[in-house]
Amino acid sequence: MNTDVLVVGGAGVDTIVRVDALPVPLADSHVVPPIDTVVGHTGSGVALGCHRLGLSTRFVDVIGDDHEGRMLVDRFAAEGLPFDHVVHESGTRRAVNLVDAAGRRMSLYDPRHPYDLAPDPSLWRRHLPGAHHVHASIMPWTVAALEDAAAAGATTSTDLHDWDGRNPHHTPFAYAADLVFVSGSRLDGVEDDVVADVLDRGRARLVVVMDGARGSRVTVREGGSFAVGAVELPGRPAIDSNGAGDAYVSAFLRTWLGGGDTRAAARAGTVAGAWACGTEGTHSSLIDDGELSRQLAAHYGGGAGRA
């Protein structure tokens, strides 16, 4: 079976706590709105986002035999997203995400698994012959999937999240993927150097710096750099940034894999990220292909929606 996008790693569950402001003032207790626990984390978001946008998508990961693991299995089954997994005794990844009134978040991440966890590579290798593209979340073991995908002739991507350009955990991913996504949150003053290093020392065709309300900046190995400003969607104000980066990545991939140019892909990612911010909870409202095309046409003109 052919697969447009094989997503490796990054399933988990988020507990969302809404607070008035970040950082939260020190106190014995705070009264907060209802606390929600939802399917979240980056691999889930990219896989669900690609699937909702019409790409043939498969997700593989390690989870626990626990309530959170069953939440994942049930959500993916309900969405019709193929999810192959193995179980580890350490459990399912989870996070507590504090979200302020402006939709900004602080994530308290519990990775659960031992750092040296190494599942049988058949978890992803058996799907590589039919895979067009492989996206690896930055679990330590998934860099092997990027290497295997490149050897198999598939294109690859990864999201480095809030990398500062120095943390050695991220470095193998930065150099192993064709498309490198990274948050701009910790790159002030070093962004140009970090992007240049990834392009000089890695296999990246392009680097995308996603920077929330400041938009995104794209550098293409053979095509220079450009910026795409953030957009506001009428009637859909930003209330929760959880999952916005994953939505950006999935829409970028949908357009780029469909033959669209890099600017069109970045515009698609920008709209999808803004759409994700319009509802409470991680991955609670994923944009579909029709809505993405309508929003792209509204913001960028006719014909901008399709690759």
C-alpha atoms as a PDB file:
ATOM      1  CA  MET A   1       0.000   0.000   0.000  1.00  0.00           C
ATOM      2  CA  ASN A   2       1.327   3.422  -0.940  1.00  0.00           C
ATOM      3  CA  THR A   3       1.578   6.032   1.817  1.00  0.00           C
ATOM      4  CA  ASP A   4       1.981   9.741   1.179  1.00  0.00           C
ATOM      5  CA  VAL A   5       3.289  10.466   4.685  1.00  0.00           C
ATOM      6  CA  LEU A   6       4.632   8.042   7.290  1.00  0.00           C
ATOM      7  CA  VAL A   7       4.870   9.778  10.685  1.00  0.00           C
ATOM      8  CA  VAL A   8       7.285   8.186  13.150  1.00  0.00           C
ATOM      9  CA  GLY A   9       7.023   8.935  16.882  1.00  0.00           C
ATOM     10  CA  GLY A  10       5.423  11.731  18.846  1.00  0.00           C
ATOM     11  CA  ALA A  11       2.098  10.398  20.165  1.00  0.00           C
ATOM     12  CA  GLY A  12       0.939  11.592  23.563  1.00  0.00           C
ATOM     13  CA  VAL A  13      -1.778  13.111  25.702  1.00  0.00           C
ATOM     14  CA  ASP A  14      -2.099  16.717  26.873  1.00  0.00           C
ATOM     15  CA  THR A  15      -3.793  18.052  29.972  1.00  0.00           C
ATOM     16  CA  ILE A  16      -4.802  21.651  29.255  1.00  0.00           C
ATOM     17  CA  VAL A  17      -4.955  24.108  32.167  1.00  0.00           C
ATOM     18  CA  ARG A  18      -6.154  27.661  31.431  1.00  0.00           C
ATOM     19  CA  VAL A  19      -4.593  30.445  33.470  1.00  0.00           C
ATOM     20  CA  ASP A  20      -4.942  34.218  33.476  1.00  0.00           C
ATOM     21  CA  ALA A  21      -1.307  34.902  32.640  1.00  0.00           C
ATOM     22  CA  LEU A  22       2.113  33.310  32.210  1.00  0.00           C
ATOM     23  CA  PRO A  23       4.150  32.902  34.296  1.00  0.00           C
ATOM     24  CA  VAL A  24       1.624  31.785  36.900  1.00  0.00           C
ATOM     25  CA  PRO A  25       2.052  33.715  40.177  1.00  0.00           C
ATOM     26  CA  LEU A  26       3.269  31.620  43.088  1.00  0.00           C
ATOM     27  CA  ALA A  27       0.292  30.701  45.278  1.00  0.00           C
ATOM     28  CA  ASP A  28      -1.046  27.773  47.230  1.00  0.00           C
ATOM     29  CA  SER A  29      -3.830  27.334  44.667  1.00  0.00           C
ATOM     30  CA  HIS A  30      -5.494  28.959  41.664  1.00  0.00           C
ATOM     31  CA  VAL A  31      -9.091  28.526  40.547  1.00  0.00           C
ATOM     32  CA  VAL A  32      -9.079  27.680  36.846  1.00  0.00           C
ATOM     33  CA  PRO A  33     -11.681  26.860  34.172  1.00  0.00           C
ATOM     34  CA  PRO A  34     -12.474  23.176  33.513  1.00  0.00           C
ATOM     35  CA  ILE A  35      -9.320  21.163  32.887  1.00  0.00           C
ATOM     36  CA  ASP A  36      -9.325  19.059  29.712  1.00  0.00           C
ATOM     37  CA  THR A  37      -7.274  15.993  28.812  1.00  0.00           C
ATOM     38  CA  VAL A  38      -6.959  15.440  25.062  1.00  0.00           C
ATOM     39  CA  VAL A  39      -4.928  13.588  22.454  1.00  0.00           C
ATOM     40  CA  GLY A  40      -1.929  15.788  21.731  1.00  0.00           C
ATOM     41  CA  HIS A  41       1.806  15.970  21.005  1.00  0.00           C
ATOM     42  CA  THR A  42       3.586  16.646  17.790  1.00  0.00           C
ATOM     43  CA  GLY A  43       3.438  13.325  15.942  1.00  0.00           C
ATOM     44  CA  SER A  44      -0.282  13.062  16.595  1.00  0.00           C
ATOM     45  CA  GLY A  45      -0.801  16.561  15.230  1.00  0.00           C
ATOM     46  CA  VAL A  46       1.185  16.064  12.028  1.00  0.00           C
ATOM     47  CA  ALA A  47      -0.408  12.666  11.358  1.00  0.00           C
ATOM     48  CA  LEU A  48      -3.961  13.829  12.065  1.00  0.00           C
ATOM     49  CA  GLY A  49      -3.384  17.049  10.128  1.00  0.00           C
ATOM     50  CA  CYS A  50      -2.048  15.274   7.036  1.00  0.00           C
ATOM     51  CA  HIS A  51      -4.835  12.703   7.228  1.00  0.00           C
ATOM     52  CA  ARG A  52      -7.542  15.405   7.477  1.00  0.00           C
ATOM     53  CA  LEU A  53      -6.024  17.189   4.476  1.00  0.00           C
ATOM     54  CA  GLY A  54      -6.461  14.084   2.324  1.00  0.00           C
ATOM     55  CA  LEU A  55      -2.947  12.655   2.340  1.00  0.00           C
ATOM     56  CA  SER A  56      -2.639   8.907   2.727  1.00  0.00           C
ATOM     57  CA  THR A  57      -1.054   8.834   6.171  1.00  0.00           C
ATOM     58  CA  ARG A  58       0.241   6.188   8.562  1.00  0.00           C
ATOM     59  CA  PHE A  59       1.480   6.741  12.106  1.00  0.00           C
ATOM     60  CA  VAL A  60       3.846   4.487  14.076  1.00  0.00           C
ATOM     61  CA  ASP A  61       5.045   4.883  17.656  1.00  0.00           C
ATOM     62  CA  VAL A  62       5.673   3.412  21.106  1.00  0.00           C
ATOM     63  CA  ILE A  63       2.921   3.869  23.707  1.00  0.00           C
ATOM     64  CA  GLY A  64       1.929   2.398  27.057  1.00  0.00           C
ATOM     65  CA  ASP A  65      -0.725  -0.083  28.086  1.00  0.00           C
ATOM     66  CA  ASP A  66      -2.539   2.624  30.033  1.00  0.00           C
ATOM     67  CA  HIS A  67      -5.493   4.979  29.875  1.00  0.00           C
ATOM     68  CA  GLU A  68      -3.565   7.509  27.798  1.00  0.00           C
ATOM     69  CA  GLY A  69      -2.511   4.857  25.302  1.00  0.00           C
ATOM     70  CA  ARG A  70      -6.112   3.768  24.892  1.00  0.00           C
ATOM     71  CA  MET A  71      -7.117   7.392  24.311  1.00  0.00           C
ATOM     72  CA  LEU A  72      -4.673   7.515  21.416  1.00  0.00           C
ATOM     73  CA  VAL A  73      -5.771   4.234  19.884  1.00  0.00           C
ATOM     74  CA  ASP A  74      -9.445   5.207  20.127  1.00  0.00           C
ATOM     75  CA  ARG A  75      -8.948   8.693  18.630  1.00  0.00           C
ATOM     76  CA  PHE A  76      -6.922   7.450  15.683  1.00  0.00           C
ATOM     77  CA  ALA A  77      -9.408   4.642  15.026  1.00  0.00           C
ATOM     78  CA  ALA A  78     -12.283   7.133  15.098  1.00  0.00           C
ATOM     79  CA  GLU A  79     -10.418   9.329  12.596  1.00  0.00           C
ATOM     80  CA  GLY A  80      -9.611   6.369  10.330  1.00  0.00           C
ATOM     81  CA  LEU A  81      -5.870   6.990  10.728  1.00  0.00           C
ATOM     82  CA  PRO A  82      -3.781   3.785  10.578  1.00  0.00           C
ATOM     83  CA  PHE A  83      -1.708   3.583  13.764  1.00  0.00           C
ATOM     84  CA  ASP A  84       0.856   0.830  14.278  1.00  0.00           C
ATOM     85  CA  HIS A  85       2.377   0.729  17.732  1.00  0.00           C
ATOM     86  CA  VAL A  86       4.331  -1.291  20.216  1.00  0.00           C
ATOM     87  CA  VAL A  87       3.838  -1.131  23.969  1.00  0.00           C
ATOM     88  CA  HIS A  88       6.490  -0.213  26.522  1.00  0.00           C
ATOM     89  CA  GLU A  89       6.159  -0.554  30.276  1.00  0.00           C
ATOM     90  CA  SER A  90       7.119   3.091  30.903  1.00  0.00           C
ATOM     91  CA  GLY A  91       3.767   4.233  29.571  1.00  0.00           C
ATOM     92  CA  THR A  92       2.440   6.850  27.204  1.00  0.00           C
ATOM     93  CA  ARG A  93       4.003  10.299  26.886  1.00  0.00           C
ATOM     94  CA  ARG A  94       2.023  13.137  28.406  1.00  0.00           C
ATOM     95  CA  ALA A  95       2.219  16.830  29.149  1.00  0.00           C
ATOM     96  CA  VAL A  96       0.504  19.497  31.211  1.00  0.00           C
ATOM     97  CA  ASN A  97       0.082  22.615  29.083  1.00  0.00           C
ATOM     98  CA  LEU A  98      -0.635  25.963  30.715  1.00  0.00           C
ATOM     99  CA  VAL A  99      -2.490  28.303  28.339  1.00  0.00           C
ATOM    100  CA  ASP A 100      -2.949  32.017  29.067  1.00  0.00           C
ATOM    101  CA  ALA A 101      -5.711  34.376  27.979  1.00  0.00           C
ATOM    102  CA  ALA A 102      -3.823  35.289  24.782  1.00  0.00           C
ATOM    103  CA  GLY A 103      -3.517  31.633  23.750  1.00  0.00           C
ATOM    104  CA  ARG A 104       0.178  31.328  24.569  1.00  0.00           C
ATOM    105  CA  ARG A 105       1.251  28.107  26.206  1.00  0.00           C
ATOM    106  CA  MET A 106       3.882  26.620  28.463  1.00  0.00           C
ATOM    107  CA  SER A 107       4.256  22.846  28.216  1.00  0.00           C
ATOM    108  CA  LEU A 108       5.443  20.668  31.105  1.00  0.00           C
ATOM    109  CA  TYR A 109       6.540  17.608  29.153  1.00  0.00           C
ATOM    110  CA  ASP A 110       6.814  14.090  30.567  1.00  0.00           C
ATOM    111  CA  PRO A 111       8.584  11.949  27.924  1.00  0.00           C
ATOM    112  CA  ARG A 112       8.141   8.750  29.998  1.00  0.00           C
ATOM    113  CA  HIS A 113      10.317   6.480  27.898  1.00  0.00           C
ATOM    114  CA  PRO A 114      13.950   5.698  28.698  1.00  0.00           C
ATOM    115  CA  TYR A 115      16.239   7.898  26.634  1.00  0.00           C
ATOM    116  CA  ASP A 116      17.949   4.852  25.148  1.00  0.00           C
ATOM    117  CA  LEU A 117      14.690   3.159  24.129  1.00  0.00           C
ATOM    118  CA  ALA A 118      15.204   1.465  20.760  1.00  0.00           C
ATOM    119  CA  PRO A 119      12.140  -0.323  19.354  1.00  0.00           C
ATOM    120  CA  ASP A 120      12.531  -2.977  16.687  1.00  0.00           C
ATOM    121  CA  PRO A 121      13.094  -0.990  13.458  1.00  0.00           C
ATOM    122  CA  SER A 122      10.541  -3.154  11.692  1.00  0.00           C
ATOM    123  CA  LEU A 123       8.019  -0.777  13.278  1.00  0.00           C
ATOM    124  CA  TRP A 124       8.759   1.701  10.473  1.00  0.00           C
ATOM    125  CA  ARG A 125      10.834  -0.291   8.000  1.00  0.00           C
ATOM    126  CA  ARG A 126       7.961  -2.498   6.902  1.00  0.00           C
ATOM    127  CA  HIS A 127       6.153   0.624   5.661  1.00  0.00           C
ATOM    128  CA  LEU A 128       9.068   2.262   3.844  1.00  0.00           C
ATOM    129  CA  PRO A 129       8.679   0.489   0.469  1.00  0.00           C
ATOM    130  CA  GLY A 130       5.382   2.295  -0.128  1.00  0.00           C
ATOM    131  CA  ALA A 131       6.167   5.571   1.618  1.00  0.00           C
ATOM    132  CA  HIS A 132       6.677   8.779  -0.357  1.00  0.00           C
ATOM    133  CA  HIS A 133       7.659  10.896   2.654  1.00  0.00           C
ATOM    134  CA  VAL A 134       8.708  10.231   6.263  1.00  0.00           C
ATOM    135  CA  HIS A 135       8.251  12.758   9.063  1.00  0.00           C
ATOM    136  CA  ALA A 136      10.134  11.951  12.282  1.00  0.00           C
ATOM    137  CA  SER A 137       9.337  13.509  15.653  1.00  0.00           C
ATOM    138  CA  ILE A 138      12.424  14.065  17.776  1.00  0.00           C
ATOM    139  CA  MET A 139      12.304  10.993  19.982  1.00  0.00           C
ATOM    140  CA  PRO A 140      15.926   9.744  20.226  1.00  0.00           C
ATOM    141  CA  TRP A 141      15.258   6.526  18.301  1.00  0.00           C
ATOM    142  CA  THR A 142      13.455   8.099  15.350  1.00  0.00           C
ATOM    143  CA  VAL A 143      16.570   9.553  13.723  1.00  0.00           C
ATOM    144  CA  ALA A 144      17.181   6.001  12.465  1.00  0.00           C
ATOM    145  CA  ALA A 145      13.894   6.239  10.561  1.00  0.00           C
ATOM    146  CA  LEU A 146      15.146   9.350   8.766  1.00  0.00           C
ATOM    147  CA  GLU A 147      18.323   7.540   7.767  1.00  0.00           C
ATOM    148  CA  ASP A 148      16.379   4.481   6.578  1.00  0.00           C
ATOM    149  CA  ALA A 149      13.926   6.667   4.658  1.00  0.00           C
ATOM    150  CA  ALA A 150      16.726   8.482   2.843  1.00  0.00           C
ATOM    151  CA  ALA A 151      18.292   5.148   1.895  1.00  0.00           C
ATOM    152  CA  ALA A 152      14.914   4.010   0.566  1.00  0.00           C
ATOM    153  CA  GLY A 153      14.557   7.120  -1.598  1.00  0.00           C
ATOM    154  CA  ALA A 154      11.791   8.844   0.384  1.00  0.00           C
ATOM    155  CA  THR A 155      11.893  12.521   1.244  1.00  0.00           C
ATOM    156  CA  THR A 156      12.004  13.396   4.925  1.00  0.00           C
ATOM    157  CA  SER A 157      11.135  16.098   7.449  1.00  0.00           C
ATOM    158  CA  THR A 158      11.399  16.848  11.149  1.00  0.00           C
ATOM    159  CA  ASP A 159      10.341  19.575  13.582  1.00  0.00           C
ATOM    160  CA  LEU A 160      13.046  20.699  16.023  1.00  0.00           C
ATOM    161  CA  HIS A 161      10.557  22.727  18.115  1.00  0.00           C
ATOM    162  CA  ASP A 162      12.278  25.195  20.470  1.00  0.00           C
ATOM    163  CA  TRP A 163      15.856  24.296  19.525  1.00  0.00           C
ATOM    164  CA  ASP A 164      18.461  26.882  20.444  1.00  0.00           C
ATOM    165  CA  GLY A 165      20.965  25.696  17.845  1.00  0.00           C
ATOM    166  CA  ARG A 166      23.173  24.094  20.512  1.00  0.00           C
ATOM    167  CA  ASN A 167      21.259  21.328  22.292  1.00  0.00           C
ATOM    168  CA  PRO A 168      22.898  18.106  21.047  1.00  0.00           C
ATOM    169  CA  HIS A 169      19.652  16.136  21.252  1.00  0.00           C
ATOM    170  CA  HIS A 170      18.302  17.964  18.200  1.00  0.00           C
ATOM    171  CA  THR A 171      21.454  18.067  16.109  1.00  0.00           C
ATOM    172  CA  PRO A 172      21.199  14.632  14.412  1.00  0.00           C
ATOM    173  CA  PHE A 173      17.669  15.478  13.282  1.00  0.00           C
ATOM    174  CA  ALA A 174      18.717  18.909  12.031  1.00  0.00           C
ATOM    175  CA  TYR A 175      21.279  17.313   9.741  1.00  0.00           C
ATOM    176  CA  ALA A 176      19.301  14.227   8.660  1.00  0.00           C
ATOM    177  CA  ALA A 177      16.065  15.654   7.201  1.00  0.00           C
ATOM    178  CA  ASP A 178      15.270  17.211   3.816  1.00  0.00           C
ATOM    179  CA  LEU A 179      12.780  19.677   5.312  1.00  0.00           C
ATOM    180  CA  VAL A 180      13.669  21.126   8.710  1.00  0.00           C
ATOM    181  CA  PHE A 181      11.055  22.992  10.748  1.00  0.00           C
ATOM    182  CA  VAL A 182      12.016  24.863  13.919  1.00  0.00           C
ATOM    183  CA  SER A 183      10.389  27.345  16.281  1.00  0.00           C
ATOM    184  CA  GLY A 184      11.874  30.826  16.379  1.00  0.00           C
ATOM    185  CA  SER A 185      11.255  31.100  20.130  1.00  0.00           C
ATOM    186  CA  ARG A 186      14.892  30.531  21.125  1.00  0.00           C
ATOM    187  CA  LEU A 187      16.694  31.755  18.013  1.00  0.00           C
ATOM    188  CA  ASP A 188      16.836  35.501  18.650  1.00  0.00           C
ATOM    189  CA  GLY A 189      20.244  36.760  17.582  1.00  0.00           C
ATOM    190  CA  VAL A 190      21.408  33.372  16.262  1.00  0.00           C
ATOM    191  CA  GLU A 191      18.762  32.439  13.704  1.00  0.00           C
ATOM    192  CA  ASP A 192      20.806  33.218  10.583  1.00  0.00           C
ATOM    193  CA  ASP A 193      23.800  31.271  11.891  1.00  0.00           C
ATOM    194  CA  VAL A 194      21.699  28.266  12.913  1.00  0.00           C
ATOM    195  CA  VAL A 195      19.881  28.121   9.579  1.00  0.00           C
ATOM    196  CA  ALA A 196      23.158  28.439   7.670  1.00  0.00           C
ATOM    197  CA  ASP A 197      24.727  25.663   9.736  1.00  0.00           C
ATOM    198  CA  VAL A 198      21.813  23.287   9.077  1.00  0.00           C
ATOM    199  CA  LEU A 199      22.039  23.939   5.339  1.00  0.00           C
ATOM    200  CA  ASP A 200      25.839  23.717   5.248  1.00  0.00           C
ATOM    201  CA  ARG A 201      26.259  20.559   7.306  1.00  0.00           C
ATOM    202  CA  GLY A 202      23.032  18.662   6.679  1.00  0.00           C
ATOM    203  CA  ARG A 203      20.970  17.385   3.792  1.00  0.00           C
ATOM    204  CA  ALA A 204      18.204  19.992   4.211  1.00  0.00           C
ATOM    205  CA  ARG A 205      16.654  21.410   1.066  1.00  0.00           C
ATOM    206  CA  LEU A 206      15.004  24.118   3.136  1.00  0.00           C
ATOM    207  CA  VAL A 207      14.631  25.368   6.701  1.00  0.00           C
ATOM    208  CA  VAL A 208      11.385  26.852   7.994  1.00  0.00           C
ATOM    209  CA  VAL A 209      11.429  29.012  11.134  1.00  0.00           C
ATOM    210  CA  MET A 210       7.896  29.150  12.588  1.00  0.00           C
ATOM    211  CA  ASP A 211       7.438  32.171  14.822  1.00  0.00           C
ATOM    212  CA  GLY A 212       3.811  32.513  15.858  1.00  0.00           C
ATOM    213  CA  ALA A 213       2.431  36.038  15.507  1.00  0.00           C
ATOM    214  CA  ARG A 214       5.638  37.056  13.716  1.00  0.00           C
ATOM    215  CA  GLY A 215       4.873  34.644  10.886  1.00  0.00           C
ATOM    216  CA  SER A 216       7.399  32.254   9.379  1.00  0.00           C
ATOM    217  CA  ARG A 217      10.682  32.585   7.547  1.00  0.00           C
ATOM    218  CA  VAL A 218      11.816  30.123   4.903  1.00  0.00           C
ATOM    219  CA  THR A 219      15.332  29.600   3.568  1.00  0.00           C
ATOM    220  CA  VAL A 220      15.743  27.393   0.502  1.00  0.00           C
ATOM    221  CA  ARG A 221      19.132  25.892  -0.262  1.00  0.00           C
ATOM    222  CA  GLU A 222      19.007  26.937  -3.916  1.00  0.00           C
ATOM    223  CA  GLY A 223      16.483  29.748  -3.725  1.00  0.00           C
ATOM    224  CA  GLY A 224      17.229  32.355  -1.073  1.00  0.00           C
ATOM    225  CA  SER A 225      14.931  33.375   1.768  1.00  0.00           C
ATOM    226  CA  PHE A 226      11.469  34.873   2.176  1.00  0.00           C
ATOM    227  CA  ALA A 227       8.999  35.610   4.955  1.00  0.00           C
ATOM    228  CA  VAL A 228       5.278  34.928   5.223  1.00  0.00           C
ATOM    229  CA  GLY A 229       3.364  37.090   7.681  1.00  0.00           C
ATOM    230  CA  ALA A 230       0.889  35.672  10.148  1.00  0.00           C
ATOM    231  CA  VAL A 231      -2.781  35.870   9.197  1.00  0.00           C
ATOM    232  CA  GLU A 232      -5.926  36.571  11.172  1.00  0.00           C
ATOM    233  CA  LEU A 233      -8.996  34.554  10.229  1.00  0.00           C
ATOM    234  CA  PRO A 234     -12.234  36.575  10.408  1.00  0.00           C
ATOM    235  CA  GLY A 235     -14.518  35.254  13.119  1.00  0.00           C
ATOM    236  CA  ARG A 236     -11.848  32.901  14.419  1.00  0.00           C
ATOM    237  CA  PRO A 237      -9.596  34.719  16.911  1.00  0.00           C
ATOM    238  CA  ALA A 238      -6.574  32.956  18.372  1.00  0.00           C
ATOM    239  CA  ILE A 239      -7.414  31.445  21.760  1.00  0.00           C
ATOM    240  CA  ASP A 240      -5.063  28.456  22.057  1.00  0.00           C
ATOM    241  CA  SER A 241      -1.725  27.931  20.301  1.00  0.00           C
ATOM    242  CA  ASN A 242      -1.470  24.228  21.199  1.00  0.00           C
ATOM    243  CA  GLY A 243      -0.869  22.272  17.982  1.00  0.00           C
ATOM    244  CA  ALA A 244      -0.383  25.305  15.731  1.00  0.00           C
ATOM    245  CA  GLY A 245       3.115  24.266  14.660  1.00  0.00           C
ATOM    246  CA  ASP A 246       1.970  20.733  13.844  1.00  0.00           C
ATOM    247  CA  ALA A 247      -0.889  22.141  11.762  1.00  0.00           C
ATOM    248  CA  TYR A 248       1.612  24.356   9.906  1.00  0.00           C
ATOM    249  CA  VAL A 249       3.824  21.355   9.139  1.00  0.00           C
ATOM    250  CA  SER A 250       0.967  19.172   7.900  1.00  0.00           C
ATOM    251  CA  ALA A 251      -0.398  21.836   5.534  1.00  0.00           C
ATOM    252  CA  PHE A 252       3.103  22.672   4.302  1.00  0.00           C
ATOM    253  CA  LEU A 253       3.651  18.985   3.502  1.00  0.00           C
ATOM    254  CA  ARG A 254       0.257  18.674   1.798  1.00  0.00           C
ATOM    255  CA  THR A 255       1.162  21.461  -0.623  1.00  0.00           C
ATOM    256  CA  TRP A 256       4.861  20.687  -1.101  1.00  0.00           C
ATOM    257  CA  LEU A 257       4.286  16.959  -1.684  1.00  0.00           C
ATOM    258  CA  GLY A 258       1.555  17.844  -4.167  1.00  0.00           C
ATOM    259  CA  GLY A 259       4.042  19.762  -6.290  1.00  0.00           C
ATOM    260  CA  GLY A 260       3.390  23.238  -4.955  1.00  0.00           C
ATOM    261  CA  ASP A 261       6.247  25.668  -4.641  1.00  0.00           C
ATOM    262  CA  THR A 262       7.765  26.544  -1.283  1.00  0.00           C
ATOM    263  CA  ARG A 263       5.983  29.874  -0.956  1.00  0.00           C
ATOM    264  CA  ALA A 264       2.601  28.246  -1.563  1.00  0.00           C
ATOM    265  CA  ALA A 265       3.467  25.589   1.017  1.00  0.00           C
ATOM    266  CA  ALA A 266       4.422  28.229   3.602  1.00  0.00           C
ATOM    267  CA  ARG A 267       1.181  30.106   2.984  1.00  0.00           C
ATOM    268  CA  ALA A 268      -0.782  26.898   3.464  1.00  0.00           C
ATOM    269  CA  GLY A 269       1.071  26.243   6.708  1.00  0.00           C
ATOM    270  CA  THR A 270       0.385  29.779   7.906  1.00  0.00           C
ATOM    271  CA  VAL A 271      -3.364  29.451   7.376  1.00  0.00           C
ATOM    272  CA  ALA A 272      -3.540  25.983   8.945  1.00  0.00           C
ATOM    273  CA  GLY A 273      -1.603  27.162  11.981  1.00  0.00           C
ATOM    274  CA  ALA A 274      -3.950  30.125  12.446  1.00  0.00           C
ATOM    275  CA  TRP A 275      -6.956  27.826  12.090  1.00  0.00           C
ATOM    276  CA  ALA A 276      -5.616  25.515  14.804  1.00  0.00           C
ATOM    277  CA  CYS A 277      -5.362  28.463  17.211  1.00  0.00           C
ATOM    278  CA  GLY A 278      -9.081  29.155  16.898  1.00  0.00           C
ATOM    279  CA  THR A 279     -10.314  26.387  19.212  1.00  0.00           C
ATOM    280  CA  GLU A 280      -9.442  25.263  22.708  1.00  0.00           C
ATOM    281  CA  GLY A 281      -7.416  22.080  23.126  1.00  0.00           C
ATOM    282  CA  THR A 282      -4.680  20.395  21.136  1.00  0.00           C
ATOM    283  CA  HIS A 283      -5.676  19.010  17.706  1.00  0.00           C
ATOM    284  CA  SER A 284      -9.341  19.657  18.490  1.00  0.00           C
ATOM    285  CA  SER A 285     -10.209  21.336  15.177  1.00  0.00           C
ATOM    286  CA  LEU A 286      -8.064  20.370  12.214  1.00  0.00           C
ATOM    287  CA  ILE A 287      -8.508  22.208   8.943  1.00  0.00           C
ATOM    288  CA  ASP A 288      -9.610  20.100   5.982  1.00  0.00           C
ATOM    289  CA  ASP A 289      -8.640  20.448   2.334  1.00  0.00           C
ATOM    290  CA  GLY A 290     -11.709  22.393   1.274  1.00  0.00           C
ATOM    291  CA  GLU A 291     -11.494  24.925   4.099  1.00  0.00           C
ATOM    292  CA  LEU A 292      -7.760  25.373   3.578  1.00  0.00           C
ATOM    293  CA  SER A 293      -8.316  26.105  -0.112  1.00  0.00           C
ATOM    294  CA  ARG A 294     -11.074  28.624   0.685  1.00  0.00           C
ATOM    295  CA  GLN A 295      -8.943  30.427   3.255  1.00  0.00           C
ATOM    296  CA  LEU A 296      -5.931  30.508   0.966  1.00  0.00           C
ATOM    297  CA  ALA A 297      -8.011  31.994  -1.837  1.00  0.00           C
ATOM    298  CA  ALA A 298      -9.444  34.594   0.536  1.00  0.00           C
ATOM    299  CA  HIS A 299      -6.032  35.664   1.853  1.00  0.00           C
ATOM    300  CA  TYR A 300      -3.787  35.226  -1.169  1.00  0.00           C
ATOM    301  CA  GLY A 301      -6.043  35.244  -4.199  1.00  0.00           C
ATOM    302  CA  GLY A 302      -7.603  32.650  -6.492  1.00  0.00           C
ATOM    303  CA  GLY A 303      -5.637  29.536  -7.248  1.00  0.00           C
ATOM    304  CA  ALA A 304      -3.460  29.812  -4.135  1.00  0.00           C
ATOM    305  CA  GLY A 305      -5.115  26.907  -2.412  1.00  0.00           C
ATOM    306  CA  ARG A 306      -4.051  23.974  -4.522  1.00  0.00           C
ATOM    307  CA  ALA A 307      -0.578  22.627  -5.131  1.00  0.00           C
END
